[in-house]
């Protein structure tokens, strides 16, 4: 059996007529008192939209991976670099082929019978000559090939990078790059252009590790005892129902008939962008018209129950008088008790 109910009861209509105010007077579909959720073309459950390209802002955390980091010549080898060394005609029992890490003492250990070769501080050609001089003791006319595979710049570029308050990310000895206000593709281009001053055709991959700058807010009115504000990150798929579930549902003093989404607009805009939420329709009836998709900066406001606010106001007004009368009665009772004790002790003494 299907029950058909009108969207707005007289109570809700009266509420929005009083609380939803259009600064221009009328004509704003999203903030006029005659708001119709079905006529408002905004993303909601079952008709969600994809967000525009992500714009980097502080304090996002970017994940930068160095795909190609080849230093401009002449490059001096440093400890912890990785060199690809290949000697095709090396000894069969002791081949030399593969990546070798430069130890902290600046040497490469090829093992027996070659031993260690000092390469730190040398260019690639100088390192090739040094390796040749060591290997030729065991191999006749060795053919040595050396080229860097991983240099110290990779450790500085690769990893998680926090976007600073000034909008830049640090790249170690390569300096910093401004990325705030850019999309991921624009940030990738800016980082590669900056690194091209130190590297040969650098290539990096940029992604967002932590979305810290795009948020929406859930605001609970405390019924006269302040407001509770919860800040939640935007995932691109959040609805009103998702937001309320993130804060463990409605509070005990919340009014389920007084919930709305306040969407920020340009400064000094003549209209407030207010999207009323019919909570009972969303939860009890599975309606999606007001289960809006939340956007960055949205304020989901949950008003408190009017009787709770009235009780709080009355309690605040009456409480000082209760305290004063309580002190007066306590003082009067204490004086009477002390006076009765004194009178009783005096009459006893006189009789004696």
Protein backbone atom coordinates (compact mmCIF):
# COMPACT_ATOMS: atom_id res chain seq x y z
CA UNK A 1 0.00 0.00 0.00
CA UNK A 2 1.46 3.32 -1.09
CA UNK A 3 0.68 6.44 0.90
CA UNK A 4 0.80 9.76 -0.96
CA UNK A 5 1.59 12.78 1.16
CA UNK A 6 2.09 16.39 0.16
CA UNK A 7 5.67 17.63 0.33
CA UNK A 8 5.00 20.58 2.56
CA UNK A 9 2.67 20.54 5.51
CA UNK A 10 1.27 23.82 6.82
CA UNK A 11 3.80 23.69 9.66
CA UNK A 12 6.78 23.37 7.30
CA UNK A 13 5.42 26.00 4.94
CA UNK A 14 5.00 28.44 7.82
CA UNK A 15 8.48 27.63 9.09
CA UNK A 16 10.20 28.32 5.77
CA UNK A 17 8.12 31.44 5.22
CA UNK A 18 9.59 32.79 8.45
CA UNK A 19 13.15 31.53 8.34
CA UNK A 20 14.18 31.47 4.67
CA UNK A 21 14.83 35.04 3.67
CA UNK A 22 15.74 36.32 0.24
CA UNK A 23 17.65 39.59 0.39
CA UNK A 24 16.34 40.54 -3.03
CA UNK A 25 12.75 40.14 -1.91
CA UNK A 26 11.61 37.24 -4.13
CA UNK A 27 12.36 35.37 -7.31
CA UNK A 28 15.30 33.27 -6.08
CA UNK A 29 14.38 29.64 -6.63
CA UNK A 30 16.78 28.37 -3.97
CA UNK A 31 15.84 30.76 -1.18
CA UNK A 32 12.27 31.95 -1.78
CA UNK A 33 9.65 30.81 0.75
CA UNK A 34 7.78 28.82 -1.93
CA UNK A 35 10.77 26.55 -2.44
CA UNK A 36 9.98 23.38 -4.40
CA UNK A 37 12.67 20.70 -4.10
CA UNK A 38 11.53 18.93 -7.27
CA UNK A 39 11.93 22.13 -9.31
CA UNK A 40 15.42 22.87 -7.99
CA UNK A 41 18.02 21.46 -10.36
CA UNK A 42 20.79 20.61 -7.90
CA UNK A 43 22.71 17.32 -7.54
CA UNK A 44 21.12 14.88 -5.14
CA UNK A 45 20.99 11.17 -4.45
CA UNK A 46 20.55 9.14 -7.67
CA UNK A 47 21.42 12.23 -9.75
CA UNK A 48 24.87 13.08 -8.43
CA UNK A 49 27.42 15.00 -10.40
CA UNK A 50 31.18 14.79 -10.59
CA UNK A 51 33.14 17.60 -9.04
CA UNK A 52 35.32 19.85 -11.22
CA UNK A 53 39.07 19.16 -11.51
CA UNK A 54 40.62 19.25 -8.06
CA UNK A 55 42.37 22.51 -7.22
CA UNK A 56 45.30 22.18 -4.83
CA UNK A 57 45.23 24.34 -1.70
CA UNK A 58 46.94 24.30 1.70
CA UNK A 59 47.09 22.05 3.68
CA UNK A 60 46.69 19.28 1.09
CA UNK A 61 49.32 16.56 0.98
CA UNK A 62 50.62 15.64 -2.47
CA UNK A 63 52.17 12.34 -3.45
CA UNK A 64 54.99 12.98 -5.92
CA UNK A 65 56.79 10.14 -7.66
CA UNK A 66 59.97 10.67 -9.66
CA UNK A 67 59.70 8.68 -12.88
CA UNK A 68 62.80 10.03 -14.62
CA UNK A 69 65.52 11.83 -12.73
CA UNK A 70 68.69 12.23 -14.76
CA UNK A 71 71.00 14.98 -13.52
CA UNK A 72 72.46 17.52 -15.89
CA UNK A 73 76.11 16.83 -16.73
CA UNK A 74 78.64 16.90 -15.25
CA UNK A 75 77.11 14.91 -12.40
CA UNK A 76 79.20 13.89 -9.42
CA UNK A 77 78.31 10.55 -7.89
CA UNK A 78 77.27 10.66 -4.26
CA UNK A 79 76.76 8.02 -1.54
CA UNK A 80 73.49 6.08 -1.75
CA UNK A 81 73.29 6.58 -5.52
CA UNK A 82 72.55 3.47 -7.56
CA UNK A 83 74.67 2.77 -10.65
CA UNK A 84 74.04 0.21 -13.35
CA UNK A 85 77.39 -1.48 -14.03
CA UNK A 86 77.76 -4.06 -16.79
CA UNK A 87 80.94 -5.92 -17.73
CA UNK A 88 79.93 -8.52 -20.37
CA UNK A 89 83.33 -10.30 -20.42
CA UNK A 90 83.75 -10.50 -16.64
CA UNK A 91 84.66 -13.78 -14.96
CA UNK A 92 82.01 -16.48 -15.22
CA UNK A 93 82.34 -17.20 -11.52
CA UNK A 94 82.05 -13.52 -10.59
CA UNK A 95 79.80 -11.69 -13.08
CA UNK A 96 79.30 -7.95 -12.97
CA UNK A 97 75.87 -7.03 -14.26
CA UNK A 98 73.15 -5.13 -12.49
CA UNK A 99 72.50 -2.20 -10.17
CA UNK A 100 75.05 -1.47 -7.45
CA UNK A 101 74.46 0.91 -4.57
CA UNK A 102 77.16 3.35 -3.56
CA UNK A 103 77.93 2.74 0.10
CA UNK A 104 78.09 5.52 2.65
CA UNK A 105 81.89 5.44 2.40
CA UNK A 106 81.62 6.29 -1.30
CA UNK A 107 82.60 2.85 -2.68
CA UNK A 108 80.98 0.06 -4.67
CA UNK A 109 81.68 -3.46 -3.49
CA UNK A 110 81.87 -5.96 -6.36
CA UNK A 111 82.89 -8.77 -4.05
CA UNK A 112 85.70 -11.24 -4.55
CA UNK A 113 87.92 -11.17 -6.51
CA UNK A 114 87.44 -7.53 -7.53
CA UNK A 115 86.95 -5.78 -4.20
CA UNK A 116 85.78 -2.21 -3.67
CA UNK A 117 86.02 0.76 -6.01
CA UNK A 118 85.82 4.39 -4.82
CA UNK A 119 83.40 6.34 -7.02
CA UNK A 120 81.98 9.11 -4.79
CA UNK A 121 82.84 12.57 -6.05
CA UNK A 122 83.62 11.28 -9.56
CA UNK A 123 81.72 11.80 -12.76
CA UNK A 124 80.25 8.83 -14.59
CA UNK A 125 83.25 8.69 -16.96
CA UNK A 126 85.71 8.90 -14.07
CA UNK A 127 83.83 6.12 -12.25
CA UNK A 128 83.94 4.01 -15.40
CA UNK A 129 87.72 4.47 -15.59
CA UNK A 130 88.16 3.59 -11.90
CA UNK A 131 86.11 0.41 -12.31
CA UNK A 132 88.06 -0.47 -15.44
CA UNK A 133 91.37 -0.14 -13.58
CA UNK A 134 90.19 -2.52 -10.86
CA UNK A 135 88.54 -5.12 -13.12
CA UNK A 136 91.41 -5.31 -15.64
CA UNK A 137 93.52 -7.01 -12.99
CA UNK A 138 91.27 -10.07 -13.32
CA UNK A 139 89.83 -9.58 -16.81
CA UNK A 140 91.71 -8.92 -20.02
CA UNK A 141 90.49 -5.76 -21.72
CA UNK A 142 87.17 -5.52 -19.83
CA UNK A 143 84.26 -3.74 -21.54
CA UNK A 144 82.76 -1.55 -18.78
CA UNK A 145 79.42 0.29 -19.03
CA UNK A 146 78.25 2.62 -16.24
CA UNK A 147 75.20 4.82 -16.02
CA UNK A 148 73.16 6.14 -13.07
CA UNK A 149 69.88 4.44 -12.25
CA UNK A 150 68.87 6.24 -9.08
CA UNK A 151 70.48 9.41 -7.82
CA UNK A 152 70.05 11.29 -4.56
CA UNK A 153 67.50 13.56 -6.18
CA UNK A 154 64.96 10.73 -6.26
CA UNK A 155 64.90 10.56 -2.48
CA UNK A 156 64.25 14.29 -2.29
CA UNK A 157 61.45 14.33 -4.88
CA UNK A 158 59.66 11.06 -4.21
CA UNK A 159 57.21 10.85 -1.31
CA UNK A 160 54.53 12.84 0.47
CA UNK A 161 54.76 16.63 0.35
CA UNK A 162 52.63 18.98 2.46
CA UNK A 163 51.38 22.10 0.71
CA UNK A 164 52.70 24.94 2.84
CA UNK A 165 50.62 27.93 3.94
CA UNK A 166 52.28 29.97 1.17
CA UNK A 167 51.04 27.43 -1.40
CA UNK A 168 54.37 25.79 -2.22
CA UNK A 169 55.85 22.31 -1.81
CA UNK A 170 59.47 21.63 -0.94
CA UNK A 171 61.71 19.45 -3.13
CA UNK A 172 64.81 19.31 -0.95
CA UNK A 173 67.91 20.80 -2.53
CA UNK A 174 65.91 21.58 -5.67
CA UNK A 175 64.00 24.32 -3.86
CA UNK A 176 60.24 24.79 -3.76
CA UNK A 177 57.46 25.05 -6.33
CA UNK A 178 54.20 27.00 -6.12
CA UNK A 179 51.25 24.62 -6.60
CA UNK A 180 48.32 26.31 -4.81
CA UNK A 181 45.46 27.18 -7.12
CA UNK A 182 46.60 24.63 -9.73
CA UNK A 183 45.06 21.38 -10.87
CA UNK A 184 47.09 18.19 -10.70
CA UNK A 185 48.12 18.48 -14.35
CA UNK A 186 49.15 22.10 -13.89
CA UNK A 187 51.12 21.19 -10.75
CA UNK A 188 52.88 18.37 -12.63
CA UNK A 189 53.88 20.76 -15.39
CA UNK A 190 55.10 23.39 -12.90
CA UNK A 191 57.22 20.85 -10.99
CA UNK A 192 58.77 19.43 -14.16
CA UNK A 193 59.58 22.92 -15.45
CA UNK A 194 61.26 23.75 -12.15
CA UNK A 195 63.26 20.51 -12.10
CA UNK A 196 64.39 21.00 -15.71
CA UNK A 197 66.95 23.49 -14.36
CA UNK A 198 68.69 20.61 -12.59
CA UNK A 199 67.66 17.46 -14.47
CA UNK A 200 67.51 16.22 -18.05
CA UNK A 201 63.86 16.09 -19.18
CA UNK A 202 62.46 15.28 -15.73
CA UNK A 203 59.20 13.38 -15.43
CA UNK A 204 57.11 13.15 -12.28
CA UNK A 205 53.69 11.84 -11.31
CA UNK A 206 51.54 13.95 -8.99
CA UNK A 207 48.50 12.82 -7.04
CA UNK A 208 46.68 13.91 -3.89
CA UNK A 209 47.55 11.83 -0.84
CA UNK A 210 45.29 13.67 1.64
CA UNK A 211 42.37 15.92 0.72
CA UNK A 212 42.61 18.43 3.55
CA UNK A 213 41.38 21.65 1.94
CA UNK A 214 37.92 20.72 0.61
CA UNK A 215 35.48 20.52 3.53
CA UNK A 216 31.84 20.82 4.47
CA UNK A 217 30.36 21.55 7.90
CA UNK A 218 27.62 20.06 10.06
CA UNK A 219 26.32 22.57 12.60
CA UNK A 220 24.10 21.52 15.50
CA UNK A 221 22.18 24.12 17.47
CA UNK A 222 22.41 23.26 21.17
CA UNK A 223 19.02 24.65 22.15
CA UNK A 224 20.42 27.71 23.90
CA UNK A 225 23.66 26.04 25.01
CA UNK A 226 25.85 27.04 22.10
CA UNK A 227 26.43 25.23 18.83
CA UNK A 228 28.41 22.14 17.89
CA UNK A 229 30.47 22.36 14.69
CA UNK A 230 31.88 19.31 12.92
CA UNK A 231 34.22 19.69 9.95
CA UNK A 232 34.23 16.81 7.45
CA UNK A 233 36.29 16.25 4.28
CA UNK A 234 34.57 16.19 0.91
CA UNK A 235 34.82 12.85 -0.87
CA UNK A 236 32.82 13.88 -3.94
CA UNK A 237 29.98 11.51 -3.10
CA UNK A 238 28.56 12.91 0.16
CA UNK A 239 24.86 13.49 0.70
CA UNK A 240 22.88 14.92 3.60
CA UNK A 241 22.26 11.40 4.89
CA UNK A 242 25.97 10.61 4.72
CA UNK A 243 26.85 13.77 6.62
CA UNK A 244 24.41 13.07 9.46
CA UNK A 245 25.67 9.49 9.70
CA UNK A 246 29.24 10.79 10.06
CA UNK A 247 28.25 12.60 13.28
CA UNK A 248 26.22 9.67 14.72
CA UNK A 249 22.79 10.95 13.80
CA UNK A 250 20.65 13.80 15.08
CA UNK A 251 21.16 15.00 18.64
CA UNK A 252 18.51 14.70 21.36
CA UNK A 253 17.55 18.38 21.05
CA UNK A 254 17.45 18.50 17.24
CA UNK A 255 14.28 19.39 15.39
CA UNK A 256 13.98 17.06 12.39
CA UNK A 257 11.66 19.57 10.69
CA UNK A 258 14.24 22.38 10.78
CA UNK A 259 17.24 21.19 8.76
CA UNK A 260 18.70 22.91 5.73
CA UNK A 261 21.82 23.22 3.60
CA UNK A 262 23.30 26.71 3.36
CA UNK A 263 25.41 26.87 0.21
CA UNK A 264 28.01 29.68 0.08
CA UNK A 265 27.81 32.12 -2.77
CA UNK A 266 29.74 35.17 -3.95
CA UNK A 267 30.35 37.95 -1.46
CA UNK A 268 27.53 40.48 -1.18
CA UNK A 269 25.19 38.21 -3.15
CA UNK A 270 21.57 39.45 -2.95
CA UNK A 271 20.24 35.96 -2.20
CA UNK A 272 20.96 33.28 0.37
CA UNK A 273 21.24 29.85 -1.19
CA UNK A 274 19.14 27.75 1.20
CA UNK A 275 18.17 24.16 0.44
CA UNK A 276 15.60 22.87 2.98
CA UNK A 277 15.89 19.23 4.00
CA UNK A 278 12.83 17.09 4.76
CA UNK A 279 14.40 14.58 7.09
CA UNK A 280 11.37 12.35 7.59
CA UNK A 281 10.91 12.04 3.84
CA UNK A 282 14.55 10.99 3.41
CA UNK A 283 14.62 8.47 6.25
CA UNK A 284 11.07 7.10 6.57
CA UNK A 285 9.97 7.24 2.94
CA UNK A 286 13.23 6.91 1.03
CA UNK A 287 12.67 10.15 -0.90
CA UNK A 288 15.72 11.58 -2.62
CA UNK A 289 14.48 15.08 -3.55
CA UNK A 290 16.15 16.79 -0.58
CA UNK A 291 18.99 14.32 0.01
CA UNK A 292 21.33 16.76 -1.69
CA UNK A 293 24.88 16.07 -2.75
CA UNK A 294 27.11 18.23 -0.56
CA UNK A 295 29.69 20.49 -2.14
CA UNK A 296 32.85 22.04 -0.67
CA UNK A 297 31.95 24.79 1.77
CA UNK A 298 28.34 23.68 2.36
CA UNK A 299 26.85 24.22 5.85
CA UNK A 300 24.37 21.58 6.94
CA UNK A 301 22.48 23.28 9.75
CA UNK A 302 20.34 21.37 12.25
CA UNK A 303 18.09 23.65 14.31
CA UNK A 304 17.14 22.75 17.86
CA UNK A 305 13.63 22.10 19.08
CA UNK A 306 11.72 25.28 19.89
CA UNK A 307 10.46 23.96 23.24
CA UNK A 308 14.03 23.08 24.28
CA UNK A 309 15.18 26.61 23.44
CA UNK A 310 12.20 28.10 25.30
CA UNK A 311 12.96 25.95 28.34
CA UNK A 312 16.58 27.08 28.24
CA UNK A 313 15.60 30.75 28.04
CA UNK A 314 13.17 30.41 30.93
CA UNK A 315 15.76 28.53 32.99
CA UNK A 316 18.36 31.25 32.38
CA UNK A 317 15.88 33.95 33.38
CA UNK A 318 14.60 32.19 36.49
CA UNK A 319 17.87 30.72 37.72
CA UNK A 320 19.34 33.97 39.18
CA UNK A 321 16.12 34.64 41.13
CA UNK A 322 16.06 31.06 42.40
CA UNK A 323 19.58 31.48 43.67
CA UNK A 324 18.75 34.77 45.40
CA UNK A 325 15.59 33.40 47.01
CA UNK A 326 17.43 30.23 47.97
CA UNK A 327 20.15 32.20 49.73
CA UNK A 328 17.51 34.36 51.45
CA UNK A 329 15.54 31.38 52.66
CA UNK A 330 18.71 29.61 53.78
CA UNK A 331 19.83 32.68 55.70
CA UNK A 332 16.41 33.20 57.24
CA UNK A 333 16.20 29.56 58.26
CA UNK A 334 19.67 29.67 59.80
CA UNK A 335 18.87 32.81 61.79
CA UNK A 336 15.60 31.32 63.06
CA UNK A 337 17.36 28.12 64.07
CA UNK A 338 20.09 29.98 65.90
CA UNK A 339 17.50 32.26 67.55
CA UNK A 340 15.48 29.25 68.72
CA UNK A 341 18.55 27.64 70.26
CA UNK A 342 19.50 30.85 72.11
CA UNK A 343 15.96 31.29 73.43
CA UNK A 344 15.80 27.73 74.67
CA UNK A 345 19.12 27.93 76.50
CA UNK A 346 18.16 31.25 78.15
CA UNK A 347 14.86 29.98 79.53
CA UNK A 348 16.54 26.91 80.93
CA UNK A 349 19.11 28.98 82.77
CA UNK A 350 16.43 31.24 84.29
CA UNK A 351 14.43 28.33 85.67
CA UNK A 352 17.49 26.90 87.28
